[in-house]
Protein backbone atom coordinates (compact mmCIF):
# COMPACT_ATOMS: atom_id res chain seq x y z
CA MET A 1 0.01 -0.04 0.15
CA ASN A 2 1.54 3.48 -0.62
CA SER A 3 1.70 5.67 2.18
CA PRO A 4 1.60 9.64 1.68
CA ARG A 5 5.62 9.48 2.25
CA ASN A 6 6.19 7.32 -0.93
CA ARG A 7 3.70 9.30 -3.04
CA LYS A 8 5.96 12.36 -2.02
CA LEU A 9 8.85 10.36 -3.01
CA VAL A 10 7.50 9.05 -6.47
CA LEU A 11 6.56 12.69 -7.05
CA SER A 12 9.93 14.33 -6.03
CA PHE A 13 11.69 11.73 -7.95
CA ALA A 14 9.52 12.39 -11.45
CA ILE A 15 9.92 16.02 -11.04
CA VAL A 16 13.53 15.75 -11.18
CA VAL A 17 13.42 13.67 -13.97
CA VAL A 18 11.29 16.19 -15.79
CA LEU A 19 13.72 18.65 -14.81
CA ILE A 20 16.68 16.76 -15.95
CA LEU A 21 15.18 16.14 -19.50
CA LEU A 22 13.89 19.92 -19.79
CA ILE A 23 17.27 20.61 -19.19
CA SER A 24 19.03 17.99 -21.36
CA PHE A 25 16.64 19.36 -24.21
CA PHE A 26 17.14 23.10 -24.14
CA ALA A 27 21.24 22.60 -23.48
CA LEU A 28 21.00 20.32 -26.87
CA ARG A 29 18.97 22.97 -28.59
CA GLN A 30 21.40 25.69 -27.73
CA ARG A 31 24.21 23.49 -28.85
CA THR A 32 22.16 22.95 -32.43
CA ARG A 33 21.80 26.92 -32.27
CA THR A 34 25.50 27.32 -31.65
CA ASN A 35 26.45 24.99 -34.04
CA GLN A 36 24.41 26.23 -36.83
CA ALA A 37 25.63 29.71 -36.17
CA THR A 38 28.87 28.56 -36.38
CA ASP A 39 28.13 26.87 -39.87
CA LYS A 40 26.97 30.31 -40.98
CA VAL A 41 30.27 32.32 -40.64
CA VAL A 42 32.29 32.76 -43.94
CA LYS A 43 35.64 34.40 -43.58
CA ILE A 44 36.66 35.63 -46.93
CA GLY A 45 40.16 36.73 -47.79
CA LEU A 46 40.14 40.14 -49.64
CA MET A 47 42.95 42.45 -50.85
CA PRO A 48 42.76 46.02 -50.11
CA GLY A 49 40.72 47.89 -52.93
CA GLY A 50 39.73 51.16 -51.32
CA LYS A 51 36.58 53.19 -50.01
CA GLN A 52 34.34 52.10 -52.87
CA GLU A 53 35.14 48.17 -52.57
CA ASP A 54 34.52 48.35 -48.78
CA ILE A 55 31.02 50.03 -49.58
CA ILE A 56 30.30 47.23 -52.13
CA TRP A 57 31.55 44.37 -49.74
CA LYS A 58 29.45 45.68 -46.73
CA GLN A 59 26.17 45.79 -48.73
CA VAL A 60 27.28 42.15 -49.81
CA GLN A 61 27.90 41.62 -46.15
CA LYS A 62 24.34 42.76 -45.42
CA ASN A 63 22.71 40.99 -48.20
CA ALA A 64 24.29 37.53 -46.63
CA LYS A 65 22.95 38.50 -43.25
CA GLU A 66 19.59 39.70 -43.93
CA GLN A 67 18.70 37.14 -46.76
CA GLU A 68 20.70 33.94 -45.83
CA GLY A 69 21.44 34.41 -42.54
CA ILE A 70 25.05 34.13 -43.27
CA THR A 71 27.43 36.34 -41.40
CA LEU A 72 30.65 37.57 -43.73
CA LYS A 73 33.97 38.35 -41.94
CA PHE A 74 36.67 39.88 -43.89
CA VAL A 75 40.34 38.85 -44.02
CA ASN A 76 42.33 41.48 -45.46
CA PHE A 77 45.70 40.69 -47.01
CA THR A 78 48.40 43.02 -48.69
CA ASP A 79 50.36 40.46 -50.54
CA GLY A 80 48.89 38.92 -53.59
CA ASP A 81 50.32 35.29 -53.02
CA GLN A 82 48.53 35.35 -49.87
CA PRO A 83 44.59 34.86 -49.93
CA ASN A 84 45.35 31.60 -52.26
CA LYS A 85 47.34 30.25 -49.59
CA ALA A 86 45.32 31.08 -46.87
CA LEU A 87 42.23 29.52 -48.73
CA ALA A 88 44.35 26.31 -49.62
CA SER A 89 45.32 26.16 -45.90
CA HIS A 90 41.70 26.60 -44.84
CA GLU A 91 42.46 29.82 -43.01
CA VAL A 92 39.70 31.54 -44.89
CA ASP A 93 36.52 29.97 -46.43
CA LEU A 94 36.66 31.78 -49.45
CA ASN A 95 38.54 34.64 -51.42
CA ALA A 96 37.68 37.15 -53.78
CA PHE A 97 40.97 39.30 -55.23
CA GLN A 98 41.74 37.52 -58.54
CA HIS A 99 40.73 37.01 -62.33
CA TYR A 100 40.73 33.65 -64.16
CA ALA A 101 44.29 33.92 -65.51
CA TYR A 102 45.96 34.54 -62.34
CA LEU A 103 44.29 31.38 -60.54
CA LYS A 104 45.31 29.41 -63.54
CA SER A 105 48.88 30.38 -63.28
CA TRP A 106 48.70 30.28 -59.48
CA ASN A 107 47.46 26.75 -59.62
CA GLN A 108 50.03 25.70 -61.88
CA ALA A 109 53.15 27.21 -60.03
CA ASN A 110 51.65 25.97 -56.52
CA ASN A 111 50.20 22.58 -57.55
CA GLY A 112 46.67 24.00 -56.19
CA ASN A 113 43.12 23.24 -56.50
CA ILE A 114 41.27 26.51 -55.96
CA VAL A 115 38.06 27.06 -58.22
CA SER A 116 35.51 29.62 -59.03
CA ILE A 117 32.30 29.16 -57.87
CA GLY A 118 30.59 32.56 -59.19
CA ASP A 119 31.89 35.73 -61.03
CA THR A 120 31.96 39.18 -59.58
CA ILE A 121 33.38 42.17 -61.36
CA VAL A 122 35.85 42.72 -64.36
CA THR A 123 38.44 45.93 -64.45
CA PRO A 124 38.96 47.24 -67.94
CA ILE A 125 42.67 48.56 -68.01
CA HIS A 126 43.54 51.31 -70.64
CA LEU A 127 46.50 52.40 -72.75
CA TYR A 128 47.50 55.75 -71.83
CA SER A 129 49.63 58.51 -73.51
CA THR A 130 50.08 61.77 -72.32
CA LYS A 131 51.75 62.62 -75.85
CA TYR A 132 49.24 61.23 -78.12
CA LYS A 133 45.33 61.35 -78.50
CA ASN A 134 44.64 58.43 -80.33
CA VAL A 135 45.89 55.06 -81.40
CA ALA A 136 46.03 56.18 -84.67
CA GLU A 137 48.43 58.78 -83.93
CA LEU A 138 51.56 56.47 -82.23
CA PRO A 139 54.34 56.74 -84.38
CA ASP A 140 56.28 53.99 -86.04
CA GLN A 141 59.34 52.42 -83.29
CA SER A 142 57.33 54.12 -80.48
CA THR A 143 58.23 52.77 -77.10
CA ILE A 144 54.90 50.98 -75.66
CA ALA A 145 55.19 50.16 -71.76
CA ILE A 146 53.65 47.01 -70.28
CA PRO A 147 53.74 45.35 -67.09
CA ASN A 148 56.16 42.38 -66.88
CA ASP A 149 54.58 39.94 -64.61
CA VAL A 150 52.98 36.99 -66.26
CA THR A 151 49.72 37.50 -66.33
CA ASN A 152 49.92 41.44 -66.42
CA GLU A 153 52.07 41.10 -69.54
CA SER A 154 49.65 38.78 -71.28
CA ARG A 155 46.68 41.02 -70.59
CA ALA A 156 48.21 44.06 -72.03
CA LEU A 157 49.49 42.47 -74.93
CA TYR A 158 45.95 41.68 -75.73
CA VAL A 159 45.01 45.33 -75.35
CA LEU A 160 47.74 46.11 -77.98
CA LYS A 161 45.91 43.43 -80.06
CA ASN A 162 42.72 44.42 -79.61
CA ALA A 163 43.87 48.28 -80.26
CA GLY A 164 44.87 46.89 -83.80
CA LEU A 165 47.97 47.75 -82.76
CA ILE A 166 50.25 44.29 -82.96
CA GLY A 167 48.80 40.50 -84.04
CA LEU A 168 49.01 37.70 -81.33
CA ASP A 169 49.87 33.97 -81.81
CA THR A 170 47.07 32.68 -79.48
CA SER A 171 46.78 29.25 -81.05
CA LYS A 172 48.36 27.53 -78.11
CA GLY A 173 45.90 28.66 -75.14
CA ALA A 174 48.58 29.76 -72.83
CA LEU A 175 49.32 33.00 -71.46
CA ALA A 176 50.76 35.55 -74.14
CA THR A 177 54.51 37.06 -74.06
CA VAL A 178 56.30 38.96 -76.30
CA LYS A 179 57.17 36.03 -78.32
CA SER A 180 53.65 35.57 -79.15
CA ILE A 181 53.71 38.72 -81.27
CA GLN A 182 52.94 37.93 -84.90
CA SER A 183 52.66 41.13 -86.51
CA ASN A 184 53.98 44.49 -85.55
CA PRO A 185 53.04 46.78 -88.28
CA LYS A 186 54.01 49.80 -86.52
CA HIS A 187 57.50 48.13 -85.31
CA LEU A 188 56.46 49.10 -81.66
CA ILE A 189 59.29 48.66 -79.19
CA ILE A 190 57.52 46.75 -76.36
CA LYS A 191 59.34 47.72 -72.74
CA GLU A 192 58.22 45.41 -70.16
CA ILE A 193 58.56 47.02 -66.42
CA ASP A 194 57.16 46.33 -63.22
CA ALA A 195 53.17 46.58 -63.22
CA ALA A 196 53.66 49.27 -60.40
CA GLN A 197 55.63 51.63 -62.66
CA THR A 198 53.90 51.55 -65.36
CA ALA A 199 51.91 54.85 -64.31
CA ARG A 200 55.39 56.34 -63.80
CA ALA A 201 56.93 55.42 -66.86
CA LEU A 202 53.87 57.37 -68.55
CA ASP A 203 55.92 60.43 -69.43
CA SER A 204 59.01 58.68 -70.71
CA VAL A 205 57.32 56.50 -73.17
CA ALA A 206 54.70 56.99 -75.73
CA ALA A 207 51.90 55.06 -74.06
CA SER A 208 51.64 52.76 -71.02
CA VAL A 209 49.20 50.12 -70.21
CA ILE A 210 47.93 50.43 -66.80
CA ASN A 211 46.22 48.55 -64.44
CA TYR A 212 43.14 50.51 -63.38
CA ASN A 213 44.23 50.66 -59.48
CA PHE A 214 47.78 51.87 -60.38
CA ALA A 215 46.07 54.61 -62.59
CA ILE A 216 44.05 55.63 -59.81
CA SER A 217 46.82 55.64 -57.34
CA ALA A 218 48.91 57.71 -59.66
CA LYS A 219 46.02 59.61 -60.32
CA ILE A 220 46.10 59.92 -63.99
CA SER A 221 43.14 61.51 -65.50
CA GLU A 222 40.37 59.10 -67.75
CA LYS A 223 41.47 62.06 -70.50
CA TYR A 224 44.82 60.32 -71.32
CA SER A 225 43.17 57.11 -71.84
CA ILE A 226 43.51 56.58 -75.68
CA PHE A 227 42.27 52.55 -75.67
CA THR A 228 40.02 51.10 -73.32
CA GLU A 229 39.91 47.05 -72.90
CA PRO A 230 37.04 45.82 -74.76
CA LEU A 231 34.73 43.15 -73.50
CA ASN A 232 34.64 40.30 -75.66
CA ALA A 233 35.88 36.83 -75.72
CA ASP A 234 39.58 38.03 -74.84
CA SER A 235 38.16 39.68 -71.74
CA ALA A 236 36.85 36.46 -70.25
CA GLN A 237 39.97 35.44 -68.70
CA TRP A 238 40.11 38.70 -66.74
CA ILE A 239 36.68 38.48 -65.01
CA ASN A 240 37.13 38.37 -60.99
CA PHE A 241 35.15 35.79 -59.37
CA ILE A 242 34.78 34.23 -55.50
CA ALA A 243 37.06 31.61 -55.18
CA ALA A 244 36.70 28.24 -53.07
CA ASN A 245 38.68 25.03 -52.55
CA LYS A 246 37.42 22.23 -55.00
CA ALA A 247 36.38 19.93 -52.34
CA ASP A 248 34.00 23.00 -51.46
CA LYS A 249 32.54 24.17 -54.94
CA ASN A 250 29.18 22.88 -54.07
CA ASN A 251 28.99 24.10 -50.52
CA LYS A 252 25.28 25.65 -50.03
CA VAL A 253 26.49 28.12 -47.72
CA TYR A 254 29.10 29.45 -49.74
CA LYS A 255 26.82 29.46 -52.83
CA ALA A 256 24.75 31.36 -51.11
CA VAL A 257 27.55 33.79 -50.53
CA VAL A 258 28.03 34.29 -54.19
CA LYS A 259 24.09 34.79 -54.40
CA ALA A 260 24.56 37.78 -52.00
CA TYR A 261 26.92 39.37 -54.49
CA GLN A 262 25.35 38.29 -57.54
CA GLN A 263 22.43 40.93 -57.16
CA GLU A 264 20.59 44.08 -58.72
CA ASN A 265 21.41 46.22 -55.61
CA ILE A 266 24.98 45.13 -55.87
CA ALA A 267 25.25 45.92 -59.62
CA LYS A 268 23.59 49.78 -59.12
CA LEU A 269 26.04 49.92 -56.03
CA ILE A 270 29.07 49.06 -58.58
CA LYS A 271 27.68 51.36 -61.52
CA LYS A 272 27.32 54.31 -58.57
CA GLU A 273 30.88 53.73 -56.92
CA TYR A 274 32.75 53.43 -60.35
CA PRO A 275 30.86 56.09 -63.03
CA ASP A 276 33.91 55.73 -64.88
CA GLY A 277 33.53 52.22 -65.43
CA GLY A 278 36.62 51.42 -63.57
CA GLU A 279 34.76 48.02 -62.35
CA VAL A 280 31.84 46.18 -64.36
CA PRO A 281 29.65 43.71 -62.80
CA ALA A 282 30.47 40.63 -64.82
CA TRP A 283 28.10 37.87 -63.68
CA ASN A 284 25.73 38.78 -66.21
CA LEU A 285 28.15 39.28 -69.09
CA ASN A 286 27.77 37.33 -72.49
CA LEU A 287 31.44 36.71 -73.72
């Protein structure tokens, strides 16, 4: 027969069991939430791009948080070799700083396994001159300065090709070098120098192919541009993108970061921040 004392013991035991179950349930729920939150934090490696780039990435960060529940954390690098090394070693989850030609060269040199998971922008480069107003005015045997690093040299030569100044042998599909020049009707003298020096050399040569960031840093006016890199089939290799390790190329969270970038509000913001066309949204380009 159950005594009042026994009933109290049973009730007390039942209450303790219920409390333990409730505490376990809420602890498990909290751990699940914490794990989900951790899964939704994405570190992305960037190179310094100035105030305009900061504004664009802050909007991407806002899109990711509000639309996808993803917290984007930015890791800034100063050396162009660092973001890919950090990605390969999983110090960051993604990076966004390079174009296809650069990645191809980097993967080959470093036995890398990094891939694009979504295009972002393309930054057309220019042929500048303080002496001549258009390409046709360049006299025979003019000296043209171009960057001497592998990818930018190739890109500069494609600019000269598209400007009608040289012909290139691109049959092998590799990055172009001065040895790829097939025709040079004006007998141009191609001067290969460090990319950072192409702006400084402008006044001492007939013309210079200068990357947009170096032209901006040197405060070279757009009025000195005598040819702009066109957006055509040759431009595809210069498109920038968000990169991931190959094993993560189908990661849904990382794909959602791409979605947060490839939106109309980002396209409008890029055009607003770069009214000179210094950067162009590239994810809808049909090249």
